[in-house]
Amino acid sequence: MKMRNPPVNSLSLEFLTELLISLEKLENDKTFRGIIITSDCPGIFSAGLDLLEMYGRDPAHCAEYWKAVQELWLRVYLSNLVVIGAINGISPAGGCLLSLSCDYRVLANNPKYAIGLNETLLGIIAPFWFKDVLVNTIGHRAAERALQLGFLFPPSDALQVGIVDQVVPEDQVQSTARSVMAQWLAIPDHARQLTKNLVRKPTADRLLQQRDADIQNFVRFISRDSIQKSLHVYLEKLKQKKG
């Protein structure tokens, strides 16, 4: 499944909805046992959440947006399908969360292709369930430092800390992902699916048990004047870079 939302595969509400519909179709079609998620935008896997969905928006829109972000994570994280991330570009923040939600991650060996939860650099914080997935993946201490400092790991560091499972030359990302998929599909589906659920359900349940509260917290946080100002400054910087 190639993500295509130029220029940077930002996770807008419309794009999240399209991704969810596509995933649901694949999961309901029993001829599919696994998917490889990758990007059709050169140099970018996904730049993450669309800040324009949070800046200058009314609370109702922010709530609808955050519910869609939650839904995408739950859908990917708990999917019965084998989900392989073929990360062929930079993958910050929400793009990193999407990567972390896969069963296995292959990253292109390009020093420009960093990955991490860098929310603090934008003046915002990673939600508790973003944090939980990172802690599950790289351990508490490494996650604590990475989250506070907004680390974006280049490929070699990402592999060393365990945020990705494999780093390969850029032209081998897709073929490696297919080889890995074959290895995972050699396991009987029912046994693998039950094991995945056993391991991941407690983390997902933390969000499921407090989804509404998480939405309310997000809306309150993002509506603060100080946070809106931080988003404004960051968006202005992006405009200047494009200019």
Protein backbone atom coordinates (compact mmCIF):
# COMPACT_ATOMS: atom_id res chain seq x y z
CA MET A 1 0.00 0.00 0.00
CA LYS A 2 1.69 3.17 -1.22
CA MET A 3 0.78 6.36 0.60
CA ARG A 4 0.27 9.25 -1.77
CA ASN A 5 -0.66 12.61 -0.27
CA PRO A 6 1.87 15.06 -1.77
CA PRO A 7 4.09 16.69 -0.92
CA VAL A 8 4.87 14.99 2.42
CA ASN A 9 2.12 12.42 3.14
CA SER A 10 0.83 14.52 6.03
CA LEU A 11 -1.95 12.73 7.88
CA SER A 12 -4.84 15.08 7.17
CA LEU A 13 -8.36 14.10 8.17
CA GLU A 14 -9.21 13.24 4.57
CA PHE A 15 -6.05 11.15 4.14
CA LEU A 16 -6.61 9.34 7.47
CA THR A 17 -10.12 8.48 6.32
CA GLU A 18 -8.80 7.10 3.01
CA LEU A 19 -6.18 5.00 4.83
CA LEU A 20 -8.79 3.60 7.21
CA ILE A 21 -11.13 2.65 4.36
CA SER A 22 -8.29 0.97 2.47
CA LEU A 23 -7.17 -0.99 5.54
CA GLU A 24 -10.71 -2.10 6.28
CA LYS A 25 -11.16 -3.38 2.71
CA LEU A 26 -7.91 -5.35 2.89
CA GLU A 27 -8.77 -6.84 6.28
CA ASN A 28 -12.22 -7.88 5.10
CA ASP A 29 -10.83 -9.57 1.97
CA LYS A 30 -9.66 -12.97 3.20
CA THR A 31 -7.38 -13.41 0.18
CA PHE A 32 -5.00 -10.89 1.81
CA ARG A 33 -2.82 -12.02 4.71
CA GLY A 34 -0.40 -9.11 4.93
CA ILE A 35 0.37 -5.61 3.69
CA ILE A 36 3.53 -3.60 3.11
CA ILE A 37 3.05 0.10 3.90
CA THR A 38 5.36 2.43 2.01
CA SER A 39 5.41 5.86 0.38
CA ASP A 40 4.94 7.12 -3.14
CA CYS A 41 6.39 10.55 -2.20
CA PRO A 42 10.17 10.76 -2.83
CA GLY A 43 12.23 11.11 0.34
CA ILE A 44 9.21 11.15 2.68
CA PHE A 45 7.54 8.19 4.34
CA SER A 46 5.14 10.44 6.25
CA ALA A 47 5.72 13.82 7.87
CA GLY A 48 3.10 12.87 10.44
CA LEU A 49 0.04 14.69 11.69
CA ASP A 50 -1.22 17.59 9.62
CA LEU A 51 -0.68 20.71 11.74
CA LEU A 52 -3.24 22.57 9.64
CA GLU A 53 -5.88 20.25 11.14
CA MET A 54 -4.95 21.62 14.58
CA TYR A 55 -4.10 25.27 13.94
CA GLY A 56 -6.93 27.81 14.01
CA ARG A 57 -9.61 25.09 14.07
CA ASP A 58 -12.68 24.90 16.28
CA PRO A 59 -12.84 22.29 19.08
CA ALA A 60 -15.34 20.07 17.22
CA HIS A 61 -13.00 19.73 14.25
CA CYS A 62 -9.99 19.00 16.50
CA ALA A 63 -12.01 16.31 18.27
CA GLU A 64 -13.04 14.68 14.98
CA TYR A 65 -9.44 14.79 13.78
CA TRP A 66 -8.02 13.24 16.94
CA LYS A 67 -10.58 10.45 16.88
CA ALA A 68 -9.41 9.58 13.34
CA VAL A 69 -5.76 9.56 14.48
CA GLN A 70 -6.68 7.19 17.32
CA GLU A 71 -8.63 4.98 14.92
CA LEU A 72 -5.75 4.64 12.45
CA TRP A 73 -3.35 3.63 15.21
CA LEU A 74 -5.74 1.06 16.65
CA ARG A 75 -6.48 -0.34 13.20
CA VAL A 76 -2.80 -0.78 12.27
CA TYR A 77 -1.53 -1.78 15.72
CA LEU A 78 -4.14 -4.51 16.24
CA SER A 79 -4.52 -5.63 12.61
CA ASN A 80 -4.82 -9.37 12.02
CA LEU A 81 -2.76 -8.84 8.88
CA VAL A 82 1.02 -8.93 8.90
CA VAL A 83 2.00 -5.27 8.55
CA ILE A 84 5.49 -4.49 7.28
CA GLY A 85 6.77 -0.91 7.13
CA ALA A 86 8.98 -0.22 4.10
CA ILE A 87 10.25 3.16 5.28
CA ASN A 88 11.65 4.91 2.22
CA GLY A 89 11.93 8.44 3.58
CA ILE A 90 11.90 10.66 6.63
CA SER A 91 9.42 9.56 9.28
CA PRO A 92 8.91 12.02 12.16
CA ALA A 93 6.14 12.23 14.78
CA GLY A 94 2.92 10.64 13.43
CA GLY A 95 4.93 9.04 10.64
CA CYS A 96 7.06 7.39 13.30
CA LEU A 97 3.95 6.23 15.16
CA LEU A 98 2.65 4.61 11.97
CA SER A 99 6.04 2.90 11.52
CA LEU A 100 6.12 1.71 15.15
CA SER A 101 2.64 0.22 14.72
CA CYS A 102 3.90 -2.19 12.04
CA ASP A 103 5.05 -5.70 12.92
CA TYR A 104 8.44 -5.16 11.27
CA ARG A 105 10.24 -2.07 9.97
CA VAL A 106 12.75 -1.82 7.12
CA LEU A 107 14.43 1.59 6.76
CA ALA A 108 16.37 2.89 3.74
CA ASN A 109 20.03 3.59 4.54
CA ASN A 110 20.03 7.29 3.72
CA PRO A 111 21.35 9.73 6.37
CA LYS A 112 18.54 12.15 5.46
CA TYR A 113 15.89 9.61 6.43
CA ALA A 114 15.52 10.19 10.17
CA ILE A 115 12.78 8.68 12.33
CA GLY A 116 11.48 9.58 15.77
CA LEU A 117 8.82 11.23 17.91
CA ASN A 118 9.98 14.85 17.76
CA GLU A 119 6.86 16.55 19.14
CA THR A 120 8.74 18.56 21.79
CA LEU A 121 10.61 20.41 19.04
CA LEU A 122 7.22 21.77 17.90
CA GLY A 123 6.30 22.84 21.41
CA ILE A 124 3.78 20.01 21.86
CA ILE A 125 3.95 16.62 23.58
CA ALA A 126 3.56 13.05 22.40
CA PRO A 127 0.32 11.52 23.77
CA PHE A 128 0.61 8.69 26.29
CA TRP A 129 -0.15 6.01 23.72
CA PHE A 130 2.58 7.29 21.37
CA LYS A 131 4.89 7.07 24.39
CA ASP A 132 3.71 3.57 25.27
CA VAL A 133 4.49 2.21 21.80
CA LEU A 134 7.98 3.77 21.84
CA VAL A 135 8.71 2.41 25.33
CA ASN A 136 7.54 -1.05 24.19
CA THR A 137 9.91 -0.83 21.23
CA ILE A 138 13.14 0.69 22.55
CA GLY A 139 12.82 0.50 26.35
CA HIS A 140 12.02 3.05 29.03
CA ARG A 141 15.31 4.95 29.38
CA ALA A 142 15.98 5.30 25.66
CA ALA A 143 12.37 6.43 25.11
CA GLU A 144 12.56 8.90 28.00
CA ARG A 145 15.56 10.67 26.45
CA ALA A 146 14.25 10.47 22.90
CA LEU A 147 10.85 11.92 23.79
CA GLN A 148 12.14 14.79 25.93
CA LEU A 149 14.79 15.83 23.42
CA GLY A 150 12.65 15.19 20.34
CA PHE A 151 15.28 12.85 18.83
CA LEU A 152 15.15 12.07 15.15
CA PHE A 153 17.34 9.00 14.67
CA PRO A 154 19.38 8.58 11.47
CA PRO A 155 19.32 5.01 10.09
CA SER A 156 22.37 3.63 11.94
CA ASP A 157 21.17 5.00 15.30
CA ALA A 158 17.58 3.89 14.62
CA LEU A 159 18.82 0.34 14.09
CA GLN A 160 21.08 0.44 17.14
CA VAL A 161 18.32 1.62 19.49
CA GLY A 162 15.79 -0.78 17.91
CA ILE A 163 13.31 1.70 16.51
CA VAL A 164 13.68 -0.17 13.19
CA ASP A 165 14.50 -3.84 12.61
CA GLN A 166 16.62 -3.58 9.49
CA VAL A 167 18.51 -0.91 7.53
CA VAL A 168 19.20 -1.70 3.86
CA PRO A 169 20.31 0.18 0.72
CA GLU A 170 17.54 2.35 -0.62
CA ASP A 171 17.00 0.25 -3.74
CA GLN A 172 16.52 -2.87 -1.61
CA VAL A 173 13.82 -1.63 0.77
CA GLN A 174 10.87 -3.10 -1.14
CA SER A 175 12.52 -6.44 -1.95
CA THR A 176 13.64 -6.82 1.67
CA ALA A 177 10.13 -6.06 2.89
CA ARG A 178 8.75 -8.77 0.59
CA SER A 179 11.34 -11.28 1.87
CA VAL A 180 10.43 -10.45 5.45
CA MET A 181 6.74 -10.80 4.60
CA ALA A 182 7.35 -14.33 3.28
CA GLN A 183 9.01 -15.24 6.58
CA TRP A 184 6.08 -13.94 8.62
CA LEU A 185 3.49 -15.58 6.35
CA ALA A 186 5.17 -18.95 6.93
CA ILE A 187 3.66 -18.89 10.43
CA PRO A 188 0.07 -20.18 10.76
CA ASP A 189 -2.20 -17.12 10.81
CA HIS A 190 -4.28 -18.08 13.84
CA ALA A 191 -1.23 -18.67 16.06
CA ARG A 192 0.49 -15.46 14.96
CA GLN A 193 -2.69 -13.38 15.27
CA LEU A 194 -3.47 -14.64 18.77
CA THR A 195 0.12 -14.03 19.87
CA LYS A 196 0.10 -10.51 18.41
CA ASN A 197 -3.12 -9.74 20.26
CA LEU A 198 -1.72 -11.18 23.49
CA VAL A 199 1.31 -8.90 23.28
CA ARG A 200 -0.37 -5.74 22.01
CA LYS A 201 -3.86 -5.74 23.54
CA PRO A 202 -2.83 -4.31 26.96
CA THR A 203 -1.24 -1.26 25.25
CA ALA A 204 -4.26 -0.73 23.00
CA ASP A 205 -6.66 -1.19 25.93
CA ARG A 206 -5.07 1.75 27.75
CA LEU A 207 -6.34 4.00 24.97
CA LEU A 208 -9.63 2.16 24.41
CA GLN A 209 -10.54 2.60 28.07
CA GLN A 210 -10.04 6.36 27.94
CA ARG A 211 -10.57 7.38 24.32
CA ASP A 212 -13.03 10.16 25.11
CA ALA A 213 -10.83 11.57 27.86
CA ASP A 214 -7.84 11.46 25.50
CA ILE A 215 -9.79 13.40 22.87
CA GLN A 216 -10.88 15.98 25.44
CA ASN A 217 -7.30 16.35 26.72
CA PHE A 218 -6.03 16.82 23.18
CA VAL A 219 -8.63 19.46 22.35
CA ARG A 220 -7.93 21.36 25.58
CA PHE A 221 -4.18 21.20 25.01
CA ILE A 222 -4.19 22.15 21.34
CA SER A 223 -6.63 25.03 21.98
CA ARG A 224 -4.29 26.80 24.41
CA ASP A 225 -3.03 30.17 23.20
CA SER A 226 0.57 29.18 23.88
CA ILE A 227 0.25 26.00 21.81
CA GLN A 228 -1.50 27.81 18.96
CA LYS A 229 1.36 30.34 18.99
CA SER A 230 3.94 27.53 18.84
CA LEU A 231 2.13 25.98 15.89
CA HIS A 232 1.96 29.37 14.19
CA VAL A 233 5.72 29.89 14.60
CA TYR A 234 6.47 26.41 13.28
CA LEU A 235 4.16 26.78 10.27
CA GLU A 236 5.74 30.15 9.45
CA LYS A 237 9.17 28.51 9.51
CA LEU A 238 7.92 25.86 7.10
CA LYS A 239 6.62 28.57 4.76
CA GLN A 240 10.00 30.31 4.80
CA LYS A 241 11.77 27.03 3.98
CA LYS A 242 9.46 26.48 1.01
CA GLY A 243 10.01 30.06 -0.11
